[in-house]
Amino acid sequence: MPPQLPITVLFVGLFALIQVPLTMMVGWRRAQTVIPFLDGGDPTLLRRMRAHANFTETVPMVLLAMAMSEWTGLASVWLWAGGLCLLGGRALHAYWTLRHGWGTPRATGMLLTFAPMLGFGGWLLSRGL
């Protein structure tokens, strides 16, 4: 029987649903501007691409580390804290990137993303050594 990972499964579902509008916003802007590749110098498209790409670059690794942490027995309070931290960080980063580009809230979103990445990664290293 496969391991039960109910907390991670919930967050995987949430992040899968969030990925859809981030991807669609890039496609819609490409259709509006008729820019098939790269950003064509369009700042709105560039912001949308970066919000989508950064999400895609970070979320899978954190979710994988979260799943392995849950599987190896990390307390549920830490799984919830890490998942909510990731959710808040990704929401803040995407919102600020889409609306303003660079700024302290965007950097804060990244820090909130790195926290569970480091926490889950550290837990896993402590279990494997």
C-alpha atoms as a PDB file:
ATOM      1  CA  MET A   1       0.000   0.000   0.000  1.00  0.00           C
ATOM      2  CA  PRO A   2       1.412   3.460  -0.883  1.00  0.00           C
ATOM      3  CA  PRO A   3       2.207   5.841   1.959  1.00  0.00           C
ATOM      4  CA  GLN A   4      -0.594   8.163   3.025  1.00  0.00           C
ATOM      5  CA  LEU A   5       0.395  11.813   2.561  1.00  0.00           C
ATOM      6  CA  PRO A   6      -2.853  13.712   3.166  1.00  0.00           C
ATOM      7  CA  ILE A   7      -1.329  17.118   3.932  1.00  0.00           C
ATOM      8  CA  THR A   8       0.991  17.111   0.942  1.00  0.00           C
ATOM      9  CA  VAL A   9      -1.793  15.830  -1.323  1.00  0.00           C
ATOM     10  CA  LEU A  10      -3.953  18.810  -0.333  1.00  0.00           C
ATOM     11  CA  PHE A  11      -1.168  21.279  -1.134  1.00  0.00           C
ATOM     12  CA  VAL A  12      -0.322  19.554  -4.424  1.00  0.00           C
ATOM     13  CA  GLY A  13      -3.963  19.987  -5.436  1.00  0.00           C
ATOM     14  CA  LEU A  14      -3.985  23.669  -4.469  1.00  0.00           C
ATOM     15  CA  PHE A  15      -0.765  24.424  -6.313  1.00  0.00           C
ATOM     16  CA  ALA A  16      -1.929  22.515  -9.392  1.00  0.00           C
ATOM     17  CA  LEU A  17      -5.008  24.744  -9.505  1.00  0.00           C
ATOM     18  CA  ILE A  18      -2.909  27.892  -9.062  1.00  0.00           C
ATOM     19  CA  GLN A  19      -0.607  26.853 -11.919  1.00  0.00           C
ATOM     20  CA  VAL A  20      -3.488  27.002 -14.407  1.00  0.00           C
ATOM     21  CA  PRO A  21      -4.281  30.743 -14.227  1.00  0.00           C
ATOM     22  CA  LEU A  22      -0.585  31.642 -14.104  1.00  0.00           C
ATOM     23  CA  THR A  23      -0.056  29.677 -17.312  1.00  0.00           C
ATOM     24  CA  MET A  24      -3.193  31.035 -18.958  1.00  0.00           C
ATOM     25  CA  MET A  25      -2.237  34.658 -18.235  1.00  0.00           C
ATOM     26  CA  VAL A  26       0.942  34.180 -20.251  1.00  0.00           C
ATOM     27  CA  GLY A  27      -0.964  32.604 -23.131  1.00  0.00           C
ATOM     28  CA  TRP A  28      -3.620  35.333 -23.129  1.00  0.00           C
ATOM     29  CA  ARG A  29      -0.996  38.053 -23.266  1.00  0.00           C
ATOM     30  CA  ARG A  30       0.799  36.244 -26.095  1.00  0.00           C
ATOM     31  CA  ALA A  31      -2.493  36.127 -28.018  1.00  0.00           C
ATOM     32  CA  GLN A  32      -3.135  39.838 -27.373  1.00  0.00           C
ATOM     33  CA  THR A  33       0.340  40.914 -28.457  1.00  0.00           C
ATOM     34  CA  VAL A  34       1.041  38.235 -31.085  1.00  0.00           C
ATOM     35  CA  ILE A  35       4.421  37.525 -29.434  1.00  0.00           C
ATOM     36  CA  PRO A  36       5.049  33.788 -29.897  1.00  0.00           C
ATOM     37  CA  PHE A  37       8.449  33.543 -28.135  1.00  0.00           C
ATOM     38  CA  LEU A  38      10.299  35.371 -25.372  1.00  0.00           C
ATOM     39  CA  ASP A  39       8.741  38.651 -24.214  1.00  0.00           C
ATOM     40  CA  GLY A  40       9.080  40.844 -27.317  1.00  0.00           C
ATOM     41  CA  GLY A  41       9.867  43.819 -25.066  1.00  0.00           C
ATOM     42  CA  ASP A  42       6.375  43.776 -23.573  1.00  0.00           C
ATOM     43  CA  PRO A  43       6.679  44.501 -19.827  1.00  0.00           C
ATOM     44  CA  THR A  44       3.307  42.950 -18.983  1.00  0.00           C
ATOM     45  CA  LEU A  45       4.204  39.720 -20.752  1.00  0.00           C
ATOM     46  CA  LEU A  46       7.597  39.690 -19.056  1.00  0.00           C
ATOM     47  CA  ARG A  47       6.022  40.072 -15.593  1.00  0.00           C
ATOM     48  CA  ARG A  48       3.541  37.296 -16.345  1.00  0.00           C
ATOM     49  CA  MET A  49       6.295  35.041 -17.643  1.00  0.00           C
ATOM     50  CA  ARG A  50       8.410  35.633 -14.537  1.00  0.00           C
ATOM     51  CA  ALA A  51       5.521  35.001 -12.134  1.00  0.00           C
ATOM     52  CA  HIS A  52       4.736  31.752 -13.953  1.00  0.00           C
ATOM     53  CA  ALA A  53       8.359  30.667 -14.328  1.00  0.00           C
ATOM     54  CA  ASN A  54       9.304  31.387 -10.736  1.00  0.00           C
ATOM     55  CA  PHE A  55       6.290  29.406  -9.526  1.00  0.00           C
ATOM     56  CA  THR A  56       7.259  26.525 -11.822  1.00  0.00           C
ATOM     57  CA  GLU A  57      10.905  26.687 -10.731  1.00  0.00           C
ATOM     58  CA  THR A  58      10.277  26.517  -6.990  1.00  0.00           C
ATOM     59  CA  VAL A  59       6.969  24.851  -6.136  1.00  0.00           C
ATOM     60  CA  PRO A  60       7.703  21.311  -7.418  1.00  0.00           C
ATOM     61  CA  MET A  61      10.889  20.960  -5.358  1.00  0.00           C
ATOM     62  CA  VAL A  62       9.214  22.189  -2.178  1.00  0.00           C
ATOM     63  CA  LEU A  63       6.266  19.843  -2.706  1.00  0.00           C
ATOM     64  CA  LEU A  64       8.603  16.910  -3.324  1.00  0.00           C
ATOM     65  CA  ALA A  65      10.548  17.722  -0.158  1.00  0.00           C
ATOM     66  CA  MET A  66       7.259  18.150   1.692  1.00  0.00           C
ATOM     67  CA  ALA A  67       6.006  14.760   0.515  1.00  0.00           C
ATOM     68  CA  MET A  68       9.203  13.037   1.561  1.00  0.00           C
ATOM     69  CA  SER A  69       9.113  14.857   4.901  1.00  0.00           C
ATOM     70  CA  GLU A  70       5.567  13.694   5.513  1.00  0.00           C
ATOM     71  CA  TRP A  71       6.520  10.172   4.470  1.00  0.00           C
ATOM     72  CA  THR A  72       9.468  10.123   6.892  1.00  0.00           C
ATOM     73  CA  GLY A  73       7.374  11.264   9.838  1.00  0.00           C
ATOM     74  CA  LEU A  74       7.699  15.036  10.159  1.00  0.00           C
ATOM     75  CA  ALA A  75       5.076  16.321  12.599  1.00  0.00           C
ATOM     76  CA  SER A  76       1.922  17.591  10.930  1.00  0.00           C
ATOM     77  CA  VAL A  77       2.265  21.043  12.509  1.00  0.00           C
ATOM     78  CA  TRP A  78       5.502  21.548  10.536  1.00  0.00           C
ATOM     79  CA  LEU A  79       3.943  20.239   7.334  1.00  0.00           C
ATOM     80  CA  TRP A  80       1.025  22.658   7.706  1.00  0.00           C
ATOM     81  CA  ALA A  81       3.383  25.520   8.582  1.00  0.00           C
ATOM     82  CA  GLY A  82       5.601  24.789   5.586  1.00  0.00           C
ATOM     83  CA  GLY A  83       2.683  24.370   3.189  1.00  0.00           C
ATOM     84  CA  LEU A  84       0.991  27.577   4.328  1.00  0.00           C
ATOM     85  CA  CYS A  85       4.291  29.448   4.220  1.00  0.00           C
ATOM     86  CA  LEU A  86       4.823  28.271   0.644  1.00  0.00           C
ATOM     87  CA  LEU A  87       1.260  29.206  -0.286  1.00  0.00           C
ATOM     88  CA  GLY A  88       1.606  32.684   1.201  1.00  0.00           C
ATOM     89  CA  GLY A  89       5.017  33.187  -0.339  1.00  0.00           C
ATOM     90  CA  ARG A  90       3.903  32.161  -3.801  1.00  0.00           C
ATOM     91  CA  ALA A  91       0.755  34.314  -3.589  1.00  0.00           C
ATOM     92  CA  LEU A  92       2.726  37.365  -2.462  1.00  0.00           C
ATOM     93  CA  HIS A  93       5.445  36.842  -5.064  1.00  0.00           C
ATOM     94  CA  ALA A  94       2.995  36.323  -7.935  1.00  0.00           C
ATOM     95  CA  TYR A  95       0.757  39.237  -6.961  1.00  0.00           C
ATOM     96  CA  TRP A  96       3.617  41.684  -6.604  1.00  0.00           C
ATOM     97  CA  THR A  97       5.422  40.483  -9.733  1.00  0.00           C
ATOM     98  CA  LEU A  98       2.261  40.772 -11.824  1.00  0.00           C
ATOM     99  CA  ARG A  99       1.316  44.213 -10.495  1.00  0.00           C
ATOM    100  CA  HIS A 100       4.614  45.962  -9.866  1.00  0.00           C
ATOM    101  CA  GLY A 101       7.623  43.908 -10.944  1.00  0.00           C
ATOM    102  CA  TRP A 102      10.369  44.192  -8.340  1.00  0.00           C
ATOM    103  CA  GLY A 103       9.974  45.223  -4.721  1.00  0.00           C
ATOM    104  CA  THR A 104      10.276  44.184  -1.098  1.00  0.00           C
ATOM    105  CA  PRO A 105       7.002  42.153  -1.136  1.00  0.00           C
ATOM    106  CA  ARG A 106       8.329  40.105  -4.049  1.00  0.00           C
ATOM    107  CA  ALA A 107      11.549  39.406  -2.152  1.00  0.00           C
ATOM    108  CA  THR A 108       9.510  38.547   0.952  1.00  0.00           C
ATOM    109  CA  GLY A 109       7.545  36.055  -1.147  1.00  0.00           C
ATOM    110  CA  MET A 110      10.808  34.404  -2.119  1.00  0.00           C
ATOM    111  CA  LEU A 111      11.941  34.227   1.512  1.00  0.00           C
ATOM    112  CA  LEU A 112       8.626  32.603   2.421  1.00  0.00           C
ATOM    113  CA  THR A 113       9.277  30.094  -0.364  1.00  0.00           C
ATOM    114  CA  PHE A 114      12.843  29.379   0.716  1.00  0.00           C
ATOM    115  CA  ALA A 115      11.826  28.792   4.352  1.00  0.00           C
ATOM    116  CA  PRO A 116       9.919  25.527   3.740  1.00  0.00           C
ATOM    117  CA  MET A 117      12.436  24.497   1.077  1.00  0.00           C
ATOM    118  CA  LEU A 118      15.223  24.797   3.642  1.00  0.00           C
ATOM    119  CA  GLY A 119      13.132  23.353   6.472  1.00  0.00           C
ATOM    120  CA  PHE A 120      11.957  20.287   4.592  1.00  0.00           C
ATOM    121  CA  GLY A 121      15.392  19.801   3.041  1.00  0.00           C
ATOM    122  CA  GLY A 122      17.061  20.036   6.441  1.00  0.00           C
ATOM    123  CA  TRP A 123      14.611  17.565   7.930  1.00  0.00           C
ATOM    124  CA  LEU A 124      15.288  15.094   5.142  1.00  0.00           C
ATOM    125  CA  LEU A 125      19.048  15.375   5.515  1.00  0.00           C
ATOM    126  CA  SER A 126      18.733  14.803   9.252  1.00  0.00           C
ATOM    127  CA  ARG A 127      16.694  11.639   8.589  1.00  0.00           C
ATOM    128  CA  GLY A 128      19.052  10.272   5.961  1.00  0.00           C
ATOM    129  CA  LEU A 129      22.311  10.687   7.837  1.00  0.00           C
END
